[in-house]
Amino acid sequence: MLNLKKIHHIAIICSDYQKSKEFYTEILGLEILQEVYRKERDSYKLDLALQKNYCIELFSFPNPPTRVSRPEARGLRHLAFAVEDIEKEVEKLNAKGIYIEPIRVDEYSLKKFTFFEDPDGLPIELYEEE
């Protein structure tokens, strides 16, 4: 068995780098740690942190192929963020014109959750923790 310590990061390839950069930094509020343009690959790599913890690498590549994400396709299902007050966060997203599914309650944990999408349709979950 491996001795894993934690999840280090999640890598996301986007179709419109500037649009996704704005979404992850200005809407979700992730902090930019480093932004690099790799000329030989015509690719950006943006390292992002949540509360000072490195968590997402956002990549751009010329003409990346699309990936089926719904309904329930193989691969990454969604990216989830813990929040304290889901209604307050939903109001903030609504104010930015982002469609959010109705808030639901997990039948086992009895916690509230909801989903919305990034600019490329990647499902993002907000999950309320106390």
Foldseek 3Di string as FASTA:
>chain_A
DDPDDDDQAEEEEDADVVQLVCCVCVLVNWDWPDWDQDVVQRKIWTFTHDPPGTYYIYMYGPPDDADDQPDVDPDDNAAEDEDADVVVSVVSCVVVVWDKDDWDADPPVRWIKIWTAGPSRGIYMYTHDD
